[in-house]
C-alpha cells in the first residue's frame, strides 16, 4: 500500500499552515495526530519553500528543527524526514535523529549535500527542480531529466537503494506540465527507484478546480489516486487521516479487481 508522509511545517510562513505548528508543544501534538492517523513518515520543514519565500540562515533553520526532531525521537517510534536543501541543516538533523533527507533542489543547490547523504547513509528524496522552466517541455523531456538526476546522484556516490524520487509538482513547471506529469506518473516506473508524489494542496489544484488552499482536499485525493494507480510508494500530504482512509479503500478495490 502507498505510504503516507505527513507534513509538519515548523515555520511561520508556510503557504498552507504557516505558524500553526512552529511551537514545540503544538508540533508534538500534531505529529502524534498524524502518526495515529496513519503517517509512516513525518516530514519536517524549517524554511518555507512557497513561491516568493525568504531564505533563512542555516543556524536559524537548525534552531527551528532540531528541538522538534529530538522530542519526536524521544516520544514516538516513527521515521523522520528533514525537508531541507542545505547540507549543514541536513547533517545536523540526521545526527539528531532524522532518517531521510528531503531535498527540493536535488543536489543542485549545495555542493556538499551529496557528501552528507553518503556519509550519514540517510535515505535521500531527490526532487526535480530547475532554475528556469521551459514551457515546451513534455513528459518525455521530464523523464529524460529525471533519469539524468538519478544518474547524477549515482555519480556522486549515492547508492540507488537510498534514492527516492519526487517529480517536483509545482517547481519549474507550468500548470499544464504539472497536470501532464500527474496523468503519466506510471512512466516513472522506468526510473527503478521508489517514487514520492508531493501534490497536496498545491496550486495545480487551484488551476483545475479554482479553490483556495484550505479547500483543496478533494483535489489532493485525486492526485493521491493517481499516485496509487501508478504504483508510487509514497505520497506527501497535509491531511493524513483522509488520505490514509482513501488509500486503504482504493487499494482494496484495486486488489479485488486484479484477483
Protein backbone atom coordinates (compact mmCIF):
# COMPACT_ATOMS: atom_id res chain seq x y z
CA UNK A 1 0.00 0.00 0.00
CA UNK A 2 1.21 3.51 -0.80
CA UNK A 3 2.69 5.01 2.37
CA UNK A 4 1.83 8.41 3.80
CA UNK A 5 4.40 11.11 4.54
CA UNK A 6 2.76 13.66 6.84
CA UNK A 7 3.83 17.29 6.52
CA UNK A 8 4.85 19.22 9.62
CA UNK A 9 5.97 22.79 8.91
CA UNK A 10 7.71 24.38 11.89
CA UNK A 11 7.74 27.70 10.07
CA UNK A 12 5.80 30.94 10.50
CA UNK A 13 5.15 31.35 6.75
CA UNK A 14 4.26 28.03 5.12
CA UNK A 15 1.87 28.52 2.18
CA UNK A 16 -0.71 26.20 3.74
CA UNK A 17 -0.39 26.16 7.53
CA UNK A 18 2.19 28.80 8.38
CA UNK A 19 2.51 29.48 12.09
CA UNK A 20 0.21 26.68 13.28
CA UNK A 21 2.96 24.30 14.39
CA UNK A 22 6.03 26.48 14.91
CA UNK A 23 5.86 25.99 18.69
CA UNK A 24 7.23 22.78 20.15
CA UNK A 25 4.10 21.67 22.02
CA UNK A 26 1.85 22.26 19.00
CA UNK A 27 4.30 20.45 16.72
CA UNK A 28 4.40 17.43 19.05
CA UNK A 29 0.62 17.24 19.29
CA UNK A 30 0.19 17.44 15.52
CA UNK A 31 2.94 14.87 14.98
CA UNK A 32 1.15 12.43 17.30
CA UNK A 33 -2.14 13.08 15.49
CA UNK A 34 -0.55 12.27 12.12
CA UNK A 35 1.10 9.09 13.38
CA UNK A 36 -2.19 7.86 14.85
CA UNK A 37 -3.95 8.74 11.58
CA UNK A 38 -1.59 6.55 9.55
CA UNK A 39 1.53 8.53 8.66
CA UNK A 40 4.55 6.27 8.17
CA UNK A 41 6.93 9.23 7.87
CA UNK A 42 6.86 12.74 9.36
CA UNK A 43 8.48 15.38 7.14
CA UNK A 44 9.77 18.45 8.98
CA UNK A 45 10.46 21.75 7.28
CA UNK A 46 12.14 24.69 8.98
CA UNK A 47 12.08 27.04 5.99
CA UNK A 48 9.08 27.64 3.75
CA UNK A 49 9.58 26.91 0.06
CA UNK A 50 6.32 28.51 -1.08
CA UNK A 51 6.56 30.85 -4.11
CA UNK A 52 8.40 34.02 -3.10
CA UNK A 53 9.73 32.54 0.13
CA UNK A 54 12.51 34.25 2.08
CA UNK A 55 15.65 32.27 2.78
CA UNK A 56 16.84 31.99 6.36
CA UNK A 57 20.30 31.18 7.70
CA UNK A 58 21.46 27.62 8.35
CA UNK A 59 21.63 28.43 12.05
CA UNK A 60 18.04 29.67 12.25
CA UNK A 61 16.76 26.66 10.34
CA UNK A 62 18.72 24.29 12.60
CA UNK A 63 17.34 26.03 15.68
CA UNK A 64 13.81 25.52 14.38
CA UNK A 65 14.00 21.82 13.51
CA UNK A 66 16.44 20.16 15.93
CA UNK A 67 14.37 20.54 19.12
CA UNK A 68 11.35 19.06 17.32
CA UNK A 69 13.31 16.13 15.88
CA UNK A 70 14.85 15.34 19.27
CA UNK A 71 11.49 15.46 21.04
CA UNK A 72 9.79 13.33 18.40
CA UNK A 73 12.53 10.69 18.71
CA UNK A 74 12.13 10.75 22.48
CA UNK A 75 8.37 10.28 22.36
CA UNK A 76 7.49 8.37 19.18
CA UNK A 77 8.73 5.42 17.16
CA UNK A 78 8.44 6.93 13.69
CA UNK A 79 10.55 7.69 10.63
CA UNK A 80 11.61 11.32 10.35
CA UNK A 81 12.41 13.24 7.18
CA UNK A 82 14.13 16.62 7.17
CA UNK A 83 12.92 18.90 4.37
CA UNK A 84 16.00 20.97 3.52
CA UNK A 85 18.29 21.74 0.62
CA UNK A 86 21.16 22.84 2.91
CA UNK A 87 23.91 20.36 3.77
CA UNK A 88 24.62 21.81 7.23
CA UNK A 89 20.96 21.53 8.21
CA UNK A 90 20.70 18.02 6.78
CA UNK A 91 23.81 16.87 8.64
CA UNK A 92 22.67 18.31 11.97
CA UNK A 93 19.19 16.86 11.54
CA UNK A 94 20.43 13.34 10.81
CA UNK A 95 22.76 13.48 13.81
CA UNK A 96 19.73 14.43 15.92
CA UNK A 97 17.67 11.51 14.66
CA UNK A 98 16.32 12.23 11.16
CA UNK A 99 16.28 9.20 8.88
CA UNK A 100 15.64 10.81 5.49
CA UNK A 101 16.89 13.96 3.74
CA UNK A 102 14.24 15.56 1.51
CA UNK A 103 15.98 17.96 -0.90
CA UNK A 104 13.83 20.16 -3.15
CA UNK A 105 16.89 21.06 -5.20
CA UNK A 106 18.09 17.52 -5.89
CA UNK A 107 21.80 18.20 -5.16
CA UNK A 108 21.75 21.31 -7.37
CA UNK A 109 21.88 23.96 -4.63
CA UNK A 110 24.54 22.80 -2.18
CA UNK A 111 27.66 21.04 -3.45
CA UNK A 112 28.18 19.38 -0.06
CA UNK A 113 24.78 17.71 0.11
CA UNK A 114 25.87 14.54 -1.69
CA UNK A 115 28.70 14.02 0.79
CA UNK A 116 26.27 14.38 3.69
CA UNK A 117 23.97 11.76 2.16
CA UNK A 118 26.87 9.36 1.56
CA UNK A 119 28.50 9.91 4.96
CA UNK A 120 25.31 9.64 7.01
CA UNK A 121 23.82 6.80 4.91
CA UNK A 122 20.45 8.55 5.19
CA UNK A 123 17.76 7.81 2.63
CA UNK A 124 17.54 10.64 0.11
CA UNK A 125 14.46 12.15 -1.52
CA UNK A 126 15.67 13.80 -4.72
CA UNK A 127 13.20 16.25 -6.19
CA UNK A 128 13.21 17.54 -9.74
CA UNK A 129 13.77 21.29 -9.85
CA UNK A 130 15.39 23.78 -12.18
CA UNK A 131 16.16 27.50 -12.04
CA UNK A 132 14.02 28.15 -15.11
CA UNK A 133 11.12 26.42 -16.79
CA UNK A 134 10.75 25.69 -20.48
CA UNK A 135 7.04 25.70 -21.41
CA UNK A 136 7.84 23.41 -24.34
CA UNK A 137 8.96 20.54 -22.09
CA UNK A 138 6.85 17.38 -22.47
CA UNK A 139 6.60 14.28 -20.31
CA UNK A 140 9.32 12.73 -22.45
CA UNK A 141 11.61 15.67 -21.65
CA UNK A 142 10.86 15.38 -17.94
CA UNK A 143 11.61 11.66 -18.00
CA UNK A 144 14.99 12.41 -19.58
CA UNK A 145 15.68 14.94 -16.81
CA UNK A 146 14.50 12.54 -14.10
CA UNK A 147 16.91 9.88 -15.38
CA UNK A 148 19.66 12.49 -15.60
CA UNK A 149 19.05 13.47 -11.96
CA UNK A 150 19.31 9.90 -10.73
CA UNK A 151 22.47 9.26 -12.73
CA UNK A 152 23.93 12.45 -11.25
CA UNK A 153 23.20 11.21 -7.72
CA UNK A 154 24.76 7.83 -8.52
CA UNK A 155 27.86 9.58 -9.88
CA UNK A 156 28.21 11.35 -6.53
CA UNK A 157 28.37 8.03 -4.71
CA UNK A 158 24.76 7.85 -3.50
CA UNK A 159 23.50 4.26 -3.67
CA UNK A 160 20.44 3.59 -5.82
CA UNK A 161 18.77 1.84 -2.87
CA UNK A 162 18.96 5.12 -0.91
CA UNK A 163 17.19 7.24 -3.55
CA UNK A 164 13.51 8.14 -3.56
CA UNK A 165 12.49 10.35 -6.49
CA UNK A 166 9.96 13.20 -6.42
CA UNK A 167 8.81 14.54 -9.84
CA UNK A 168 8.57 18.05 -8.37
CA UNK A 169 4.97 19.10 -8.92
CA UNK A 170 4.83 22.91 -8.77
CA UNK A 171 8.56 23.50 -9.20
CA UNK A 172 9.85 24.90 -12.52
CA UNK A 173 6.76 23.67 -14.35
CA UNK A 174 3.74 25.26 -15.94
CA UNK A 175 0.37 24.16 -14.62
CA UNK A 176 -0.31 22.22 -17.81
CA UNK A 177 3.00 20.42 -17.31
CA UNK A 178 2.01 19.61 -13.72
CA UNK A 179 -1.24 18.07 -14.97
CA UNK A 180 0.59 16.08 -17.64
CA UNK A 181 3.05 14.65 -15.11
CA UNK A 182 0.22 13.70 -12.74
CA UNK A 183 -1.54 11.96 -15.61
CA UNK A 184 1.57 9.96 -16.54
CA UNK A 185 3.07 9.01 -13.18
CA UNK A 186 3.23 5.39 -14.29
CA UNK A 187 6.03 6.40 -16.69
CA UNK A 188 8.21 6.89 -13.64
CA UNK A 189 8.42 3.15 -13.08
CA UNK A 190 11.23 3.34 -15.65
CA UNK A 191 13.39 5.06 -13.03
CA UNK A 192 13.83 1.88 -10.97
CA UNK A 193 13.65 3.79 -7.67
CA UNK A 194 10.74 4.44 -5.29
CA UNK A 195 8.63 7.47 -6.23
CA UNK A 196 7.15 10.06 -3.88
CA UNK A 197 4.37 12.37 -5.03
CA UNK A 198 4.03 15.74 -3.31
CA UNK A 199 0.94 17.46 -4.71
CA UNK A 200 -1.03 18.14 -1.53
CA UNK A 201 -2.95 21.45 -1.67
CA UNK A 202 -0.70 22.75 -4.46
CA UNK A 203 -1.63 25.44 -6.93
CA UNK A 204 -2.25 22.93 -9.72
CA UNK A 205 -5.44 22.01 -7.83
CA UNK A 206 -6.47 25.65 -7.86
CA UNK A 207 -5.65 25.75 -11.59
CA UNK A 208 -8.06 22.90 -12.29
CA UNK A 209 -10.72 23.42 -9.59
CA UNK A 210 -10.42 27.14 -8.75
CA UNK A 211 -10.15 26.58 -5.00
CA UNK A 212 -8.27 28.33 -2.16
CA UNK A 213 -5.59 26.45 -0.21
CA UNK A 214 -7.89 25.36 2.62
CA UNK A 215 -10.43 23.80 0.23
CA UNK A 216 -8.17 21.53 -1.82
CA UNK A 217 -8.69 18.20 -0.05
CA UNK A 218 -10.78 16.63 -2.81
CA UNK A 219 -8.29 17.71 -5.45
CA UNK A 220 -5.46 16.32 -3.35
CA UNK A 221 -7.27 12.98 -3.06
CA UNK A 222 -7.49 12.85 -6.86
CA UNK A 223 -3.71 13.21 -7.08
CA UNK A 224 -3.34 10.52 -4.41
CA UNK A 225 -5.50 8.24 -6.57
CA UNK A 226 -3.17 8.89 -9.50
CA UNK A 227 -0.18 8.01 -7.31
CA UNK A 228 -1.75 4.75 -6.09
CA UNK A 229 -2.75 3.70 -9.62
CA UNK A 230 0.78 4.42 -10.86
CA UNK A 231 2.37 2.40 -8.08
CA UNK A 232 4.04 5.31 -6.31
CA UNK A 233 5.48 4.20 -2.99
CA UNK A 234 4.78 7.44 -1.10
CA UNK A 235 2.52 10.49 -1.05
CA UNK A 236 3.44 13.59 0.92
CA UNK A 237 0.25 15.18 2.31
CA UNK A 238 -1.17 17.61 4.85
CA UNK A 239 -4.45 15.76 5.56
CA UNK A 240 -3.15 12.41 6.76
CA UNK A 241 -6.35 10.79 8.04
CA UNK A 242 -8.37 11.49 4.91
CA UNK A 243 -5.60 10.38 2.55
CA UNK A 244 -4.87 7.25 4.59
CA UNK A 245 -8.50 6.12 4.62
CA UNK A 246 -8.81 6.89 0.92
CA UNK A 247 -5.73 4.80 0.11
CA UNK A 248 -6.99 1.92 2.29
CA UNK A 249 -10.26 1.73 0.37
CA UNK A 250 -8.82 2.42 -3.06
CA UNK A 251 -6.06 -0.15 -2.57
CA UNK A 252 -8.62 -2.78 -1.51
CA UNK A 253 -10.67 -2.12 -4.67
CA UNK A 254 -7.59 -2.39 -6.91
CA UNK A 255 -6.58 -5.70 -5.30
CA UNK A 256 -10.11 -7.09 -5.63
CA UNK A 257 -10.25 -6.07 -9.29
CA UNK A 258 -6.90 -7.76 -10.01
CA UNK A 259 -7.76 -11.05 -8.24
